[in-house]
């Protein structure tokens, strides 16, 4: 007994068996939710389903409106020193994601991005019915948001690229695709980590406001990849600007801004579910 008391004094047995630490504490107050069904026809009869779609539409509409307007304010100026510059554009994208995810998370989950929706669908966090509905509403919201910006300043919009994503001169299509894959991986991995219910149960003593790391991830990715592709990492954002701008060069590289984000989202979902959470291995045990 004296030996055990001495060990406690030295810190050897600082944590008793009743207080598991590390991986042993990961199951505290947590039960794995069942995967969402592939098809859920009952959703189509629920008002909350359509309310969530409307929330995604409005959020993406506001996202494109503020961000494309910010881009136009920067590119139309002959001196970048008189504008918010690339840093300001990155803050506009990241800040709007932070605000909009905070506003809509309790209604639709605050996806505001088909790549995020796709990644969460692959992880069985939502049904195919809801995923497709969200993607359609996100794309429509993006088109409307970019359309309003063009309506406010049509001449400036058309003469300055319309905020459309293109691979910059000096970079190959492969460079652009790689930038989109890695950038979207960072974003979607952050989404999974920040919204992980098991992590919240395990680390309840660590407060986390999920929209903050998500918005910050968007900000950092924009700082890194604006010079390469203008930063897509969101197919709805790229589609909305391309549809309203509607010039040939805006469509030449457009496939990159769908293929890249979807690959990045799939890789993030795979990494989080298989490596971090080890869900396939648990289902066999």
Protein backbone atom coordinates (compact mmCIF):
# COMPACT_ATOMS: atom_id res chain seq x y z
CA UNK A 1 0.00 0.00 0.00
CA UNK A 2 2.85 2.29 0.85
CA UNK A 3 4.41 1.54 -2.52
CA UNK A 4 1.24 2.52 -4.36
CA UNK A 5 0.95 5.76 -2.40
CA UNK A 6 4.56 6.52 -3.27
CA UNK A 7 3.81 5.87 -6.96
CA UNK A 8 0.92 8.32 -6.83
CA UNK A 9 3.19 10.93 -5.31
CA UNK A 10 5.66 10.43 -8.12
CA UNK A 11 2.91 10.62 -10.74
CA UNK A 12 3.28 7.03 -11.98
CA UNK A 13 -0.37 6.23 -11.34
CA UNK A 14 -1.72 9.73 -11.49
CA UNK A 15 -4.81 8.60 -13.36
CA UNK A 16 -6.81 5.78 -11.79
CA UNK A 17 -8.46 2.98 -13.75
CA UNK A 18 -11.80 4.74 -13.35
CA UNK A 19 -10.48 7.70 -15.37
CA UNK A 20 -9.38 6.35 -18.77
CA UNK A 21 -7.14 8.56 -20.86
CA UNK A 22 -6.08 8.63 -24.50
CA UNK A 23 -7.78 6.13 -26.79
CA UNK A 24 -9.41 4.41 -23.82
CA UNK A 25 -11.50 7.54 -23.27
CA UNK A 26 -12.77 7.80 -26.82
CA UNK A 27 -16.06 5.98 -26.21
CA UNK A 28 -17.10 8.18 -23.29
CA UNK A 29 -20.79 9.16 -23.54
CA UNK A 30 -20.91 8.32 -27.24
CA UNK A 31 -22.78 5.89 -29.45
CA UNK A 32 -22.15 5.65 -33.18
CA UNK A 33 -25.27 6.91 -35.02
CA UNK A 34 -26.67 4.61 -37.72
CA UNK A 35 -25.73 5.52 -41.30
CA UNK A 36 -28.27 7.55 -43.24
CA UNK A 37 -30.35 5.49 -45.69
CA UNK A 38 -29.44 5.77 -49.35
CA UNK A 39 -32.99 6.76 -50.26
CA UNK A 40 -35.43 8.24 -47.78
CA UNK A 41 -38.76 8.93 -49.56
CA UNK A 42 -40.32 10.14 -46.32
CA UNK A 43 -38.12 13.24 -46.45
CA UNK A 44 -40.05 14.51 -49.45
CA UNK A 45 -43.15 14.88 -47.28
CA UNK A 46 -41.39 16.86 -44.58
CA UNK A 47 -41.30 20.65 -44.49
CA UNK A 48 -37.93 20.54 -42.72
CA UNK A 49 -36.47 18.93 -45.86
CA UNK A 50 -37.52 21.83 -48.07
CA UNK A 51 -36.65 24.40 -45.40
CA UNK A 52 -33.12 22.99 -45.34
CA UNK A 53 -32.88 23.29 -49.13
CA UNK A 54 -34.07 26.90 -49.01
CA UNK A 55 -31.46 27.61 -46.31
CA UNK A 56 -28.74 26.18 -48.59
CA UNK A 57 -30.01 28.32 -51.48
CA UNK A 58 -30.02 31.52 -49.44
CA UNK A 59 -26.63 30.83 -47.86
CA UNK A 60 -24.97 30.16 -51.22
CA UNK A 61 -26.70 33.18 -52.73
CA UNK A 62 -25.32 35.45 -50.01
CA UNK A 63 -21.92 33.76 -50.20
CA UNK A 64 -21.56 34.47 -53.94
CA UNK A 65 -22.96 37.97 -53.62
CA UNK A 66 -20.45 39.13 -51.01
CA UNK A 67 -17.42 37.25 -52.33
CA UNK A 68 -17.81 38.05 -56.03
CA UNK A 69 -18.51 41.68 -55.17
CA UNK A 70 -15.27 41.72 -53.17
CA UNK A 71 -13.36 40.19 -56.08
CA UNK A 72 -14.76 42.82 -58.45
CA UNK A 73 -13.69 45.60 -56.09
CA UNK A 74 -10.12 44.31 -56.17
CA UNK A 75 -9.67 43.48 -59.86
CA UNK A 76 -11.22 46.70 -61.20
CA UNK A 77 -8.66 48.86 -59.39
CA UNK A 78 -5.41 49.78 -61.14
CA UNK A 79 -3.64 49.84 -57.77
CA UNK A 80 -4.11 46.86 -55.48
CA UNK A 81 -2.81 49.00 -52.61
CA UNK A 82 -6.08 50.92 -52.69
CA UNK A 83 -8.14 47.72 -52.24
CA UNK A 84 -8.35 44.88 -49.75
CA UNK A 85 -6.11 42.79 -52.04
CA UNK A 86 -5.79 39.01 -52.12
CA UNK A 87 -5.83 38.88 -48.32
CA UNK A 88 -9.14 40.73 -48.30
CA UNK A 89 -10.62 38.36 -50.88
CA UNK A 90 -9.52 35.39 -48.77
CA UNK A 91 -11.07 36.96 -45.68
CA UNK A 92 -14.32 37.58 -47.57
CA UNK A 93 -14.59 33.91 -48.53
CA UNK A 94 -13.53 32.59 -45.13
CA UNK A 95 -15.54 35.11 -43.16
CA UNK A 96 -18.73 34.48 -45.11
CA UNK A 97 -18.37 30.72 -44.63
CA UNK A 98 -17.90 31.27 -40.90
CA UNK A 99 -21.01 33.46 -40.66
CA UNK A 100 -23.22 31.38 -42.95
CA UNK A 101 -22.29 28.01 -41.45
CA UNK A 102 -23.06 29.48 -38.03
CA UNK A 103 -26.46 30.70 -39.26
CA UNK A 104 -27.55 27.57 -41.14
CA UNK A 105 -25.87 24.68 -39.30
CA UNK A 106 -28.96 24.02 -37.20
CA UNK A 107 -31.26 24.01 -40.23
CA UNK A 108 -29.43 22.26 -43.06
CA UNK A 109 -26.03 21.46 -41.62
CA UNK A 110 -24.53 24.54 -43.31
CA UNK A 111 -22.90 22.80 -46.28
CA UNK A 112 -22.99 25.72 -48.80
CA UNK A 113 -20.78 23.61 -51.07
CA UNK A 114 -21.57 20.54 -53.23
CA UNK A 115 -18.13 19.09 -52.40
CA UNK A 116 -18.92 19.20 -48.67
CA UNK A 117 -22.31 17.64 -49.33
CA UNK A 118 -20.67 14.93 -51.46
CA UNK A 119 -18.11 14.12 -48.77
CA UNK A 120 -20.76 13.87 -46.06
CA UNK A 121 -22.90 11.70 -48.35
CA UNK A 122 -20.01 9.29 -48.87
CA UNK A 123 -19.68 9.09 -45.08
CA UNK A 124 -23.41 8.25 -44.91
CA UNK A 125 -24.22 11.42 -43.00
CA UNK A 126 -27.18 12.21 -45.24
CA UNK A 127 -29.30 10.45 -47.85
CA UNK A 128 -28.79 10.61 -51.61
CA UNK A 129 -32.17 12.36 -51.87
CA UNK A 130 -31.07 15.16 -49.57
CA UNK A 131 -27.58 15.35 -51.08
CA UNK A 132 -28.89 15.87 -54.61
CA UNK A 133 -31.46 18.41 -53.42
CA UNK A 134 -28.80 20.38 -51.55
CA UNK A 135 -26.48 20.42 -54.57
CA UNK A 136 -29.23 21.72 -56.87
CA UNK A 137 -30.20 24.46 -54.42
CA UNK A 138 -26.58 25.44 -53.84
CA UNK A 139 -25.95 25.80 -57.57
CA UNK A 140 -29.13 27.83 -58.08
CA UNK A 141 -28.23 30.10 -55.16
CA UNK A 142 -24.73 30.63 -56.56
CA UNK A 143 -26.06 31.55 -60.01
CA UNK A 144 -28.49 34.04 -58.50
CA UNK A 145 -25.82 35.57 -56.25
CA UNK A 146 -23.42 36.12 -59.14
CA UNK A 147 -26.32 37.42 -61.23
CA UNK A 148 -27.13 40.13 -58.71
CA UNK A 149 -23.49 41.27 -58.70
CA UNK A 150 -23.56 41.53 -62.50
CA UNK A 151 -26.81 43.47 -62.30
CA UNK A 152 -25.21 46.04 -60.01
CA UNK A 153 -22.12 46.62 -62.15
CA UNK A 154 -22.45 44.89 -65.51
CA UNK A 155 -19.64 46.71 -67.29
CA UNK A 156 -17.14 46.11 -64.51
CA UNK A 157 -18.28 42.52 -64.16
CA UNK A 158 -17.88 41.58 -67.82
CA UNK A 159 -14.59 43.41 -68.31
CA UNK A 160 -12.91 41.95 -65.23
CA UNK A 161 -13.54 38.25 -65.49
CA UNK A 162 -16.74 38.03 -63.48
CA UNK A 163 -14.99 36.24 -60.64
CA UNK A 164 -14.90 33.08 -62.74
CA UNK A 165 -12.36 30.40 -61.84
CA UNK A 166 -9.68 29.72 -64.46
CA UNK A 167 -6.21 28.21 -64.30
CA UNK A 168 -3.78 31.14 -64.23
CA UNK A 169 -1.17 31.70 -66.91
CA UNK A 170 2.02 29.81 -66.13
CA UNK A 171 0.22 26.87 -64.54
CA UNK A 172 -0.90 23.66 -66.26
CA UNK A 173 -4.30 22.05 -65.96
CA UNK A 174 -2.66 19.41 -63.80
CA UNK A 175 -1.43 22.14 -61.45
CA UNK A 176 -4.94 23.53 -61.19
CA UNK A 177 -6.47 20.12 -60.61
CA UNK A 178 -3.94 19.32 -57.90
CA UNK A 179 -4.56 22.64 -56.15
CA UNK A 180 -8.30 22.00 -56.15
CA UNK A 181 -7.93 18.44 -54.84
CA UNK A 182 -5.63 19.41 -51.97
CA UNK A 183 -7.57 22.58 -51.13
CA UNK A 184 -10.88 20.74 -50.96
CA UNK A 185 -9.32 17.93 -48.94
CA UNK A 186 -8.24 20.49 -46.33
CA UNK A 187 -11.71 22.02 -46.22
CA UNK A 188 -13.71 18.79 -46.04
CA UNK A 189 -11.32 17.18 -43.55
CA UNK A 190 -11.77 20.25 -41.35
CA UNK A 191 -15.55 19.92 -41.67
CA UNK A 192 -15.41 16.29 -40.55
CA UNK A 193 -13.12 17.06 -37.64
CA UNK A 194 -14.98 20.15 -36.43
CA UNK A 195 -18.40 18.44 -36.53
CA UNK A 196 -17.36 15.02 -35.21
CA UNK A 197 -19.91 14.11 -32.51
CA UNK A 198 -17.54 11.55 -31.00
CA UNK A 199 -14.85 14.17 -30.61
CA UNK A 200 -17.34 16.49 -28.91
CA UNK A 201 -18.29 13.73 -26.47
CA UNK A 202 -14.68 12.83 -25.74
CA UNK A 203 -13.33 16.39 -25.54
CA UNK A 204 -16.35 18.10 -23.98
CA UNK A 205 -13.94 20.12 -21.84
CA UNK A 206 -12.51 21.70 -25.00
CA UNK A 207 -14.99 24.26 -26.38
CA UNK A 208 -15.11 24.41 -30.19
CA UNK A 209 -17.22 26.59 -32.42
CA UNK A 210 -17.37 24.47 -35.57
CA UNK A 211 -17.87 27.34 -38.07
CA UNK A 212 -14.63 28.99 -36.93
CA UNK A 213 -12.11 26.32 -38.05
CA UNK A 214 -14.15 25.71 -41.21
CA UNK A 215 -14.09 29.39 -42.15
CA UNK A 216 -10.42 29.64 -41.25
CA UNK A 217 -9.61 26.64 -43.48
CA UNK A 218 -11.37 28.38 -46.38
CA UNK A 219 -9.38 31.55 -45.70
CA UNK A 220 -6.03 29.75 -45.67
CA UNK A 221 -6.74 27.72 -48.81
CA UNK A 222 -7.67 30.92 -50.64
CA UNK A 223 -4.43 32.60 -49.59
CA UNK A 224 -2.50 29.68 -51.07
CA UNK A 225 -4.41 28.98 -54.28
CA UNK A 226 -5.89 32.27 -55.50
CA UNK A 227 -2.76 32.81 -57.66
CA UNK A 228 -3.24 29.35 -59.23
CA UNK A 229 -6.96 28.92 -59.92
CA UNK A 230 -8.65 31.82 -58.19
CA UNK A 231 -9.61 29.11 -55.68
CA UNK A 232 -12.67 27.07 -56.42
CA UNK A 233 -12.97 24.25 -53.82
CA UNK A 234 -16.70 24.79 -54.24
CA UNK A 235 -18.33 23.66 -57.51
CA UNK A 236 -21.40 25.82 -56.92
CA UNK A 237 -19.24 28.94 -56.55
CA UNK A 238 -17.40 28.10 -59.79
CA UNK A 239 -20.60 27.28 -61.67
CA UNK A 240 -22.44 30.42 -60.57
CA UNK A 241 -19.64 32.72 -61.74
CA UNK A 242 -19.14 30.79 -65.00
CA UNK A 243 -22.85 30.81 -65.91
CA UNK A 244 -23.26 34.54 -65.36
CA UNK A 245 -19.94 35.54 -66.91
CA UNK A 246 -20.43 33.03 -69.77
CA UNK A 247 -17.25 33.50 -71.77
CA UNK A 248 -15.44 30.64 -73.52
CA UNK A 249 -12.30 30.75 -71.39
CA UNK A 250 -14.42 30.49 -68.24
CA UNK A 251 -15.71 27.13 -69.47
CA UNK A 252 -12.40 25.78 -70.85
CA UNK A 253 -11.13 24.74 -67.41
CA UNK A 254 -14.49 24.42 -65.69
CA UNK A 255 -14.30 20.63 -65.36
CA UNK A 256 -11.33 21.09 -63.02
CA UNK A 257 -13.57 22.86 -60.51
CA UNK A 258 -15.92 19.87 -60.31
CA UNK A 259 -13.52 16.95 -60.64
CA UNK A 260 -10.90 18.39 -58.26
CA UNK A 261 -13.26 19.25 -55.38
CA UNK A 262 -15.14 15.95 -55.65
CA UNK A 263 -11.89 13.94 -55.57
CA UNK A 264 -10.64 16.01 -52.63
CA UNK A 265 -13.92 15.53 -50.76
CA UNK A 266 -13.88 11.77 -51.39
CA UNK A 267 -10.30 11.48 -50.13
CA UNK A 268 -11.14 13.50 -47.00
CA UNK A 269 -14.18 11.32 -46.27
CA UNK A 270 -12.11 8.16 -46.78
CA UNK A 271 -9.29 9.41 -44.56
CA UNK A 272 -11.57 10.51 -41.74
CA UNK A 273 -13.87 7.49 -41.74
CA UNK A 274 -11.29 4.76 -42.36
CA UNK A 275 -8.05 6.06 -40.83
CA UNK A 276 -9.14 8.48 -38.12
CA UNK A 277 -12.37 6.83 -37.00
CA UNK A 278 -11.65 3.26 -38.21
CA UNK A 279 -15.38 2.72 -38.73
CA UNK A 280 -15.10 -0.21 -41.20
CA UNK A 281 -12.97 -2.13 -38.71
CA UNK A 282 -15.37 -1.49 -35.85
CA UNK A 283 -18.33 -2.83 -37.84
CA UNK A 284 -16.54 -6.17 -38.19
CA UNK A 285 -15.76 -6.51 -34.52
